[in-house]
N, C-alpha and C. Protein backbone atom coordinates (compact mmCIF):
# COMPACT_ATOMS: atom_id res chain seq x y z
N MET A 1 15.10 4.50 -11.98
CA MET A 1 14.26 5.29 -11.04
C MET A 1 12.64 3.62 -11.19
N VAL A 2 12.97 3.36 -9.73
CA VAL A 2 11.70 2.32 -9.35
C VAL A 2 9.98 2.97 -9.46
N ASN A 3 9.49 2.56 -10.47
CA ASN A 3 7.89 2.32 -9.80
C ASN A 3 7.14 2.20 -8.59
N ILE A 4 6.86 3.21 -7.31
CA ILE A 4 5.77 2.67 -7.03
C ILE A 4 4.58 2.87 -7.09
N HIS A 5 3.87 1.93 -6.97
CA HIS A 5 2.20 1.56 -7.37
C HIS A 5 1.61 1.73 -6.26
N LEU A 6 0.52 3.00 -5.68
CA LEU A 6 -0.03 2.67 -3.92
C LEU A 6 -1.46 2.75 -4.46
N PHE A 7 -1.96 1.63 -4.62
CA PHE A 7 -3.12 1.02 -4.82
C PHE A 7 -4.48 0.73 -3.67
N CYS A 8 -5.64 2.10 -3.15
CA CYS A 8 -5.95 1.86 -2.57
C CYS A 8 -7.97 2.01 -3.05
N VAL A 9 -7.92 1.12 -1.67
CA VAL A 9 -9.49 1.03 -1.95
C VAL A 9 -10.25 1.97 -1.13
N GLY A 10 -11.23 2.79 -2.05
CA GLY A 10 -11.57 3.89 -1.51
C GLY A 10 -11.15 5.31 -2.03
N LYS A 11 -12.11 6.20 -2.05
CA LYS A 11 -11.67 7.85 -1.88
C LYS A 11 -10.74 8.45 -1.04
N LEU A 12 -10.08 9.30 -1.43
CA LEU A 12 -9.49 9.49 -0.07
C LEU A 12 -10.48 11.36 0.00
N LYS A 13 -11.44 11.82 0.97
CA LYS A 13 -12.00 12.92 0.74
C LYS A 13 -11.71 14.17 1.95
N GLU A 14 -10.88 13.65 2.98
CA GLU A 14 -10.42 14.31 4.29
C GLU A 14 -9.39 15.80 3.63
N LYS A 15 -9.27 17.00 3.80
CA LYS A 15 -8.78 17.21 3.03
C LYS A 15 -7.29 17.86 3.65
N HIS A 16 -7.03 17.55 5.09
CA HIS A 16 -6.49 16.86 5.72
C HIS A 16 -5.45 15.81 5.12
N PHE A 17 -5.94 14.75 4.77
CA PHE A 17 -4.82 13.60 4.94
C PHE A 17 -4.59 13.94 3.29
N ALA A 18 -5.64 14.38 2.53
CA ALA A 18 -5.26 14.83 0.84
C ALA A 18 -4.42 15.47 1.34
N ALA A 19 -3.88 16.31 1.51
CA ALA A 19 -2.63 17.34 1.81
C ALA A 19 -1.77 17.19 2.24
N ALA A 20 -1.64 16.00 3.43
CA ALA A 20 -0.91 14.94 3.98
C ALA A 20 0.06 14.19 2.53
N CYS A 21 -0.93 13.84 2.09
CA CYS A 21 -0.41 12.53 0.99
C CYS A 21 -0.01 13.30 0.12
N ALA A 22 -0.05 14.85 -0.67
CA ALA A 22 0.65 15.04 -1.56
C ALA A 22 1.90 15.52 -1.41
N GLU A 23 2.06 16.13 -0.33
CA GLU A 23 3.27 16.04 0.36
C GLU A 23 4.64 15.12 -0.41
N TYR A 24 4.39 13.78 0.35
CA TYR A 24 4.59 13.04 0.73
C TYR A 24 5.52 12.78 -1.01
N GLU A 25 4.06 12.77 -1.88
CA GLU A 25 4.06 12.41 -3.52
C GLU A 25 4.75 13.90 -3.93
N LYS A 26 5.41 14.62 -3.12
CA LYS A 26 6.31 15.57 -3.81
C LYS A 26 7.31 15.59 -3.63
N ARG A 27 7.25 14.78 -2.32
CA ARG A 27 9.10 14.18 -1.74
C ARG A 27 9.51 13.52 -3.05
N LEU A 28 8.49 12.30 -2.39
CA LEU A 28 9.17 10.65 -3.28
C LEU A 28 9.00 11.47 -4.70
N SER A 29 8.67 12.28 -5.42
CA SER A 29 9.02 12.85 -6.86
C SER A 29 10.31 12.23 -7.42
N ALA A 30 11.52 12.75 -6.23
CA ALA A 30 12.71 13.17 -6.08
C ALA A 30 13.14 11.38 -6.44
N PHE A 31 12.60 10.40 -6.35
CA PHE A 31 13.25 9.25 -5.78
C PHE A 31 12.56 7.95 -6.28
N CYS A 32 11.42 7.71 -6.76
CA CYS A 32 10.42 7.29 -7.63
C CYS A 32 9.88 8.16 -8.54
N LYS A 33 9.09 7.10 -9.73
CA LYS A 33 7.26 7.73 -9.99
C LYS A 33 6.69 7.02 -9.46
N LEU A 34 5.87 7.74 -8.64
CA LEU A 34 4.78 7.34 -7.66
C LEU A 34 3.13 7.69 -8.60
N THR A 35 2.50 6.28 -8.45
CA THR A 35 1.03 6.15 -9.44
C THR A 35 0.33 6.21 -7.85
N ILE A 36 -0.93 6.80 -7.79
CA ILE A 36 -1.94 6.44 -7.02
C ILE A 36 -2.83 6.30 -7.57
N THR A 37 -3.92 4.73 -7.04
CA THR A 37 -4.93 4.21 -7.71
C THR A 37 -5.91 3.90 -6.36
N GLU A 38 -6.76 4.90 -6.81
CA GLU A 38 -8.05 4.94 -6.41
C GLU A 38 -9.05 3.70 -6.70
N LEU A 39 -9.26 3.44 -6.60
CA LEU A 39 -10.31 1.83 -6.52
C LEU A 39 -11.53 1.71 -5.73
N PRO A 40 -12.77 1.81 -6.48
CA PRO A 40 -13.90 1.84 -5.90
C PRO A 40 -14.16 0.86 -4.45
N GLU A 41 -14.64 0.94 -3.28
CA GLU A 41 -14.96 0.37 -2.66
C GLU A 41 -16.69 -0.40 -2.84
N GLU A 42 -16.59 -1.72 -2.96
CA GLU A 42 -17.99 -2.89 -2.82
C GLU A 42 -18.69 -2.22 -2.22
N ARG A 43 -20.10 -1.83 -2.50
CA ARG A 43 -21.24 -1.38 -1.53
C ARG A 43 -22.37 -2.23 -0.92
N LEU A 44 -21.79 -2.81 0.55
CA LEU A 44 -22.32 -3.60 1.05
C LEU A 44 -23.54 -3.16 2.33
N PRO A 45 -24.64 -3.85 2.25
CA PRO A 45 -25.83 -2.95 3.12
C PRO A 45 -24.87 -3.07 4.48
N ASP A 46 -26.21 -2.63 5.31
CA ASP A 46 -25.49 -2.12 6.74
C ASP A 46 -24.69 -3.55 7.73
N ASN A 47 -25.66 -4.36 7.97
CA ASN A 47 -25.01 -5.67 8.00
C ASN A 47 -24.85 -6.91 7.34
N PRO A 48 -24.18 -6.81 6.44
CA PRO A 48 -23.60 -7.57 5.61
C PRO A 48 -22.88 -9.40 5.83
N SER A 49 -24.04 -9.84 5.52
CA SER A 49 -23.45 -11.19 5.66
C SER A 49 -21.76 -11.33 5.70
N GLN A 50 -21.20 -12.54 5.95
CA GLN A 50 -20.01 -12.64 5.38
C GLN A 50 -19.83 -13.72 3.29
N ALA A 51 -20.78 -13.93 3.41
CA ALA A 51 -21.14 -14.67 1.97
C ALA A 51 -21.48 -13.05 1.05
N GLN A 52 -21.71 -11.78 2.01
CA GLN A 52 -21.81 -10.44 0.92
C GLN A 52 -20.15 -9.79 1.13
N ILE A 53 -20.12 -9.80 2.29
CA ILE A 53 -18.44 -9.13 2.16
C ILE A 53 -17.25 -10.16 1.53
N ASP A 54 -17.12 -11.96 1.40
CA ASP A 54 -16.79 -12.11 0.30
C ASP A 54 -16.79 -12.32 -0.88
N ALA A 55 -17.91 -11.76 -0.86
CA ALA A 55 -17.39 -11.61 -3.14
C ALA A 55 -17.35 -9.85 -2.94
N ALA A 56 -17.77 -9.82 -2.42
CA ALA A 56 -17.40 -8.20 -2.56
C ALA A 56 -15.98 -7.59 -2.32
N LEU A 57 -15.08 -8.64 -1.46
CA LEU A 57 -13.25 -8.35 -1.23
C LEU A 57 -13.09 -8.91 -3.05
N GLU A 58 -13.61 -10.28 -3.20
CA GLU A 58 -13.16 -10.71 -4.85
C GLU A 58 -13.34 -10.11 -5.33
N LYS A 59 -14.32 -9.17 -6.34
CA LYS A 59 -14.65 -8.38 -7.07
C LYS A 59 -13.95 -7.18 -6.96
N GLU A 60 -13.26 -6.97 -5.66
CA GLU A 60 -12.16 -6.02 -5.54
C GLU A 60 -11.34 -6.20 -5.56
N ALA A 61 -10.91 -7.33 -5.27
CA ALA A 61 -9.33 -8.13 -5.83
C ALA A 61 -9.77 -8.30 -7.55
N ALA A 62 -10.48 -9.00 -7.82
CA ALA A 62 -10.24 -8.77 -9.93
C ALA A 62 -9.89 -7.73 -10.30
N LEU A 63 -10.24 -6.68 -9.99
CA LEU A 63 -10.33 -4.95 -10.18
C LEU A 63 -8.68 -4.86 -10.33
N LEU A 64 -8.67 -4.84 -8.43
CA LEU A 64 -6.95 -4.98 -8.52
C LEU A 64 -5.79 -5.80 -9.35
N PHE A 65 -6.49 -7.22 -9.56
CA PHE A 65 -5.14 -7.76 -10.64
C PHE A 65 -5.94 -7.85 -11.74
N SER A 66 -6.19 -6.26 -12.40
CA SER A 66 -6.61 -6.71 -14.24
C SER A 66 -5.72 -5.25 -13.84
N LYS A 67 -4.50 -4.65 -12.71
CA LYS A 67 -4.48 -2.97 -13.25
C LYS A 67 -3.32 -3.17 -12.90
N LEU A 68 -2.86 -4.17 -11.93
CA LEU A 68 -1.35 -4.85 -11.13
C LEU A 68 -0.68 -4.43 -12.78
N PRO A 69 1.28 -3.92 -12.39
CA PRO A 69 1.44 -4.20 -12.96
C PRO A 69 1.94 -5.64 -13.65
N LYS A 70 2.58 -5.56 -14.72
CA LYS A 70 2.75 -7.03 -14.48
C LYS A 70 4.72 -6.84 -14.08
N ASN A 71 5.13 -8.14 -13.22
CA ASN A 71 6.20 -8.66 -12.80
C ASN A 71 5.93 -7.40 -11.61
N ALA A 72 5.30 -6.75 -11.12
CA ALA A 72 5.40 -5.87 -9.85
C ALA A 72 5.91 -6.74 -8.69
N LYS A 73 6.66 -6.94 -7.45
CA LYS A 73 6.57 -6.92 -6.15
C LYS A 73 5.22 -6.66 -5.69
N LEU A 74 4.43 -7.56 -5.36
CA LEU A 74 3.00 -6.81 -4.50
C LEU A 74 3.51 -6.77 -2.88
N ILE A 75 2.94 -5.84 -2.14
CA ILE A 75 3.22 -5.40 -0.86
C ILE A 75 1.79 -5.34 -0.83
N ALA A 76 1.41 -6.18 0.24
CA ALA A 76 -0.74 -6.50 0.71
C ALA A 76 -0.19 -5.95 2.46
N LEU A 77 -1.05 -4.58 2.35
CA LEU A 77 -0.95 -4.24 3.62
C LEU A 77 -2.49 -5.02 4.66
N CYS A 78 -1.62 -5.62 5.40
CA CYS A 78 -2.98 -6.68 5.67
C CYS A 78 -2.40 -6.44 7.76
N VAL A 79 -3.25 -6.59 8.76
CA VAL A 79 -3.00 -6.78 9.68
C VAL A 79 -1.82 -8.12 10.34
N GLU A 80 -2.62 -9.32 9.69
CA GLU A 80 -1.96 -10.25 9.72
C GLU A 80 -0.72 -9.99 9.25
N GLY A 81 -0.61 -9.54 8.63
CA GLY A 81 1.17 -9.26 8.09
C GLY A 81 2.33 -9.49 8.77
N LYS A 82 3.36 -9.02 8.46
CA LYS A 82 4.50 -8.98 9.30
C LYS A 82 4.69 -7.47 9.69
N LEU A 83 5.42 -7.58 11.47
CA LEU A 83 5.19 -6.11 11.36
C LEU A 83 7.24 -6.07 11.05
N LEU A 84 7.29 -4.47 10.38
CA LEU A 84 8.49 -4.71 9.93
C LEU A 84 9.42 -3.20 10.57
N SER A 85 10.32 -3.17 10.60
CA SER A 85 10.94 -1.17 11.13
C SER A 85 11.11 -0.89 9.60
N SER A 86 11.52 0.47 10.06
CA SER A 86 11.64 1.00 9.16
C SER A 86 12.82 0.91 8.32
N GLU A 87 13.71 0.92 8.63
CA GLU A 87 15.30 -0.03 8.48
C GLU A 87 15.31 -1.14 7.43
N ALA A 88 13.69 -2.29 8.40
CA ALA A 88 13.49 -3.74 7.40
C ALA A 88 13.09 -3.09 6.67
N LEU A 89 12.44 -2.65 6.17
CA LEU A 89 11.48 -1.90 5.19
C LEU A 89 12.21 -1.27 3.96
N ALA A 90 12.87 -0.57 4.16
CA ALA A 90 14.23 0.66 3.37
C ALA A 90 15.07 -0.89 3.02
N ALA A 91 15.50 -1.63 3.84
CA ALA A 91 16.15 -2.66 3.26
C ALA A 91 15.97 -4.21 2.49
N GLN A 92 14.72 -4.28 1.90
CA GLN A 92 13.56 -5.17 1.34
C GLN A 92 13.74 -4.63 0.17
N ILE A 93 13.23 -3.42 0.52
CA ILE A 93 13.12 -2.77 -0.64
C ILE A 93 14.63 -2.24 -2.14
N GLU A 94 15.75 -1.26 -0.93
CA GLU A 94 16.48 -1.89 -1.50
C GLU A 94 16.77 -3.26 -2.26
N LYS A 95 16.51 -4.48 -1.37
CA LYS A 95 17.00 -5.80 -2.20
C LYS A 95 17.01 -5.73 -3.65
N TRP A 96 15.09 -5.40 -3.22
CA TRP A 96 13.94 -6.12 -4.68
C TRP A 96 14.66 -5.17 -5.54
N THR A 97 14.83 -3.64 -5.27
CA THR A 97 15.75 -2.25 -6.44
C THR A 97 16.91 -2.87 -7.20
N VAL A 98 17.97 -3.31 -6.56
CA VAL A 98 19.42 -4.00 -6.65
C VAL A 98 18.61 -5.53 -7.26
N GLU A 99 17.69 -6.49 -6.95
CA GLU A 99 17.68 -7.81 -7.76
C GLU A 99 16.79 -7.21 -9.32
N GLY A 100 16.67 -6.24 -9.18
CA GLY A 100 16.07 -5.52 -11.07
C GLY A 100 14.24 -5.45 -11.07
N ALA A 101 13.91 -5.33 -9.31
CA ALA A 101 12.60 -4.92 -9.66
C ALA A 101 12.59 -3.51 -9.97
N SER A 102 11.72 -3.32 -10.98
CA SER A 102 11.50 -2.35 -11.71
C SER A 102 10.11 -1.58 -10.95
N SER A 103 9.50 -2.52 -10.30
CA SER A 103 8.16 -1.66 -9.79
C SER A 103 7.15 -2.41 -8.06
N LEU A 104 7.17 -1.56 -7.41
CA LEU A 104 6.52 -2.34 -6.64
C LEU A 104 5.30 -1.75 -6.37
N ALA A 105 4.52 -2.45 -5.67
CA ALA A 105 2.86 -2.58 -5.41
C ALA A 105 2.06 -2.30 -4.21
N LEU A 106 1.88 -1.74 -3.60
CA LEU A 106 1.29 -1.69 -1.82
C LEU A 106 0.15 -1.23 -2.55
N VAL A 107 -0.87 -2.44 -1.62
CA VAL A 107 -2.25 -2.03 -1.63
C VAL A 107 -2.88 -2.49 -0.46
N ILE A 108 -3.54 -1.27 -0.25
CA ILE A 108 -4.50 -0.46 1.45
C ILE A 108 -5.08 -1.18 0.28
N GLY A 109 -6.76 -1.80 1.68
CA GLY A 109 -7.71 -2.46 1.44
C GLY A 109 -8.68 -1.55 1.38
N GLY A 110 -9.90 -2.00 2.04
CA GLY A 110 -10.90 -1.14 2.24
C GLY A 110 -11.63 -1.78 3.58
N SER A 111 -12.92 -1.29 3.51
CA SER A 111 -13.13 -1.70 5.40
C SER A 111 -12.98 -2.55 5.88
N PHE A 112 -13.50 -3.53 4.93
CA PHE A 112 -13.49 -5.18 5.18
C PHE A 112 -11.69 -5.94 5.05
N GLY A 113 -11.09 -4.89 4.53
CA GLY A 113 -9.42 -5.61 4.44
C GLY A 113 -9.50 -5.87 2.73
N LEU A 114 -8.09 -7.12 2.44
CA LEU A 114 -8.23 -7.78 1.38
C LEU A 114 -8.72 -9.39 1.13
N HIS A 115 -8.84 -8.85 -0.22
CA HIS A 115 -9.75 -10.44 -0.25
C HIS A 115 -7.91 -11.44 -0.77
N PRO A 116 -8.82 -12.96 -0.16
CA PRO A 116 -6.80 -14.02 0.45
C PRO A 116 -6.77 -14.00 -0.99
N SER A 117 -6.69 -13.79 -1.63
CA SER A 117 -5.96 -14.20 -3.72
C SER A 117 -4.80 -13.05 -3.18
N VAL A 118 -5.92 -11.34 -2.48
CA VAL A 118 -4.27 -10.91 -3.50
C VAL A 118 -3.45 -10.96 -1.59
N LYS A 119 -3.60 -10.99 -0.34
CA LYS A 119 -2.43 -11.62 0.30
C LYS A 119 -1.71 -13.01 0.04
N GLU A 120 -2.16 -14.27 -0.67
CA GLU A 120 -1.61 -15.39 -1.07
C GLU A 120 -0.65 -14.73 -2.85
N LYS A 121 -1.34 -13.85 -2.53
CA LYS A 121 0.19 -13.98 -4.39
C LYS A 121 0.75 -12.52 -3.80
N ALA A 122 0.73 -11.94 -2.75
CA ALA A 122 2.02 -10.81 -2.16
C ALA A 122 2.99 -11.55 -2.26
N GLN A 123 4.35 -10.74 -2.56
CA GLN A 123 5.37 -11.05 -2.21
C GLN A 123 5.83 -10.45 -0.58
N LEU A 124 5.08 -9.84 -0.44
CA LEU A 124 5.17 -9.68 1.16
C LEU A 124 3.48 -9.02 1.72
N ARG A 125 3.69 -9.39 3.02
CA ARG A 125 2.31 -9.39 3.82
C ARG A 125 2.72 -8.67 5.12
N LEU A 126 2.37 -7.17 4.97
CA LEU A 126 3.13 -5.71 5.79
C LEU A 126 2.02 -5.50 6.22
N SER A 127 2.20 -5.93 8.38
CA SER A 127 1.17 -4.91 9.07
C SER A 127 1.63 -3.45 9.42
N MET A 128 1.31 -2.54 9.37
CA MET A 128 1.58 -1.68 10.04
C MET A 128 1.61 -1.50 11.67
N SER A 129 0.72 -1.96 12.45
CA SER A 129 0.25 -2.28 13.65
C SER A 129 -0.46 -2.87 13.41
N PRO A 130 -0.03 -3.47 15.15
CA PRO A 130 -1.68 -4.58 15.83
C PRO A 130 -2.74 -4.09 15.61
N MET A 131 -2.40 -2.28 15.51
CA MET A 131 -4.19 -1.42 15.90
C MET A 131 -4.53 -1.05 14.76
N THR A 132 -5.65 -0.87 14.86
CA THR A 132 -6.55 -0.38 13.33
C THR A 132 -6.63 1.28 13.58
N PHE A 133 -6.22 0.97 12.22
CA PHE A 133 -5.99 3.00 11.70
C PHE A 133 -7.37 3.15 10.54
N PRO A 134 -7.53 4.36 10.42
CA PRO A 134 -8.61 4.18 9.71
C PRO A 134 -7.65 4.44 8.15
N HIS A 135 -8.72 4.42 7.04
CA HIS A 135 -7.96 3.65 5.90
C HIS A 135 -6.38 4.99 5.09
N HIS A 136 -7.35 6.42 5.16
CA HIS A 136 -6.94 7.02 4.57
C HIS A 136 -5.33 7.90 5.91
N LEU A 137 -6.42 7.41 6.61
CA LEU A 137 -4.66 7.84 7.34
C LEU A 137 -3.71 6.86 6.92
N ALA A 138 -3.73 5.20 6.46
CA ALA A 138 -3.10 4.71 6.16
C ALA A 138 -2.49 4.62 4.86
N ARG A 139 -2.97 5.68 4.64
CA ARG A 139 -2.47 5.86 2.96
C ARG A 139 -1.14 7.17 3.24
N VAL A 140 -1.89 7.84 4.11
CA VAL A 140 -0.42 8.71 4.55
C VAL A 140 1.19 7.88 5.04
N MET A 141 0.46 7.41 6.14
CA MET A 141 1.35 6.65 6.96
C MET A 141 3.25 5.86 6.34
N VAL A 142 1.69 5.05 4.71
CA VAL A 142 2.58 4.28 4.09
C VAL A 142 3.46 5.39 2.85
N LEU A 143 2.88 6.48 2.25
CA LEU A 143 3.06 7.04 1.94
C LEU A 143 4.98 7.98 2.71
N GLU A 144 4.37 8.08 3.71
CA GLU A 144 5.44 8.80 5.17
C GLU A 144 6.89 6.93 4.89
N GLN A 145 6.50 6.29 5.13
CA GLN A 145 7.41 5.24 5.53
C GLN A 145 7.71 4.65 3.76
N VAL A 146 7.51 4.46 2.67
CA VAL A 146 8.29 4.92 1.62
C VAL A 146 9.43 5.93 1.24
N TYR A 147 8.50 7.07 1.64
CA TYR A 147 9.66 8.26 1.53
C TYR A 147 10.94 7.96 1.99
N ARG A 148 10.69 7.62 4.28
CA ARG A 148 11.56 6.81 5.17
C ARG A 148 12.65 6.42 4.87
N ALA A 149 11.69 5.32 3.61
CA ALA A 149 13.12 4.47 2.44
C ALA A 149 14.34 4.69 2.13
N PHE A 150 13.53 5.26 1.36
CA PHE A 150 14.31 5.86 0.56
C PHE A 150 15.38 6.83 1.20
N GLN A 151 14.41 7.47 1.79
CA GLN A 151 15.69 8.30 2.92
C GLN A 151 16.95 7.59 3.84
N ILE A 152 16.55 6.19 4.69
CA ILE A 152 17.13 5.41 5.24
C ILE A 152 18.80 5.07 4.12
N ASN A 153 17.95 4.53 3.13
CA ASN A 153 18.69 4.22 1.61
C ASN A 153 20.05 4.98 1.68
N LEU A 154 19.48 6.04 1.22
CA LEU A 154 20.52 7.34 1.25
C LEU A 154 21.74 7.34 1.78
N GLY A 155 21.02 7.45 2.93
CA GLY A 155 21.84 7.50 4.73
C GLY A 155 21.39 8.98 5.47
N THR A 156 20.37 9.45 4.82
CA THR A 156 20.42 11.01 4.70
C THR A 156 19.96 10.91 6.37
N ARG A 157 19.95 12.07 7.23
CA ARG A 157 19.94 12.31 8.18
C ARG A 157 17.27 12.65 8.91
N TYR A 158 17.31 12.63 7.74
CA TYR A 158 16.04 11.84 7.63
C TYR A 158 15.12 11.38 8.52
N HIS A 159 15.94 10.77 8.92
CA HIS A 159 15.32 9.18 9.88
C HIS A 159 17.00 8.90 10.94
N LYS A 160 16.03 8.91 12.10
CA LYS A 160 17.25 9.46 13.14
C LYS A 160 16.60 8.04 14.61
């Protein structure tokens, strides 16, 4: 069984997003071992300088790298990433697992995104859309797409 690690910068506070995440966690338990890790978002002033933003992203990246499982396939969610269909994401996950990958790590950054070092080390830079979504909604969307990928790979009717 593959291990799926979802790393999220920032805490999930809204009950409706938490309930949706819990539903997908329950559904995914049949297909993988899911671990969700919330990393603290660095505090910044109201109008931070680029240097302050860069320093904060670097600290967040360092903490992420200290927690990443060894040999995990890293998927960085970023707006400049590759747009994939659900079928293409399912095929990529299937390919990695067939090749022997036992862990996949998906990373959702905070309000200022991800440090370049995270994107550089990623085996896949994935964009969910050119639109901007709240990070808490992105968490739900990622969990749904991972669940959908398992369903596609099984050939069920979930994905129509």
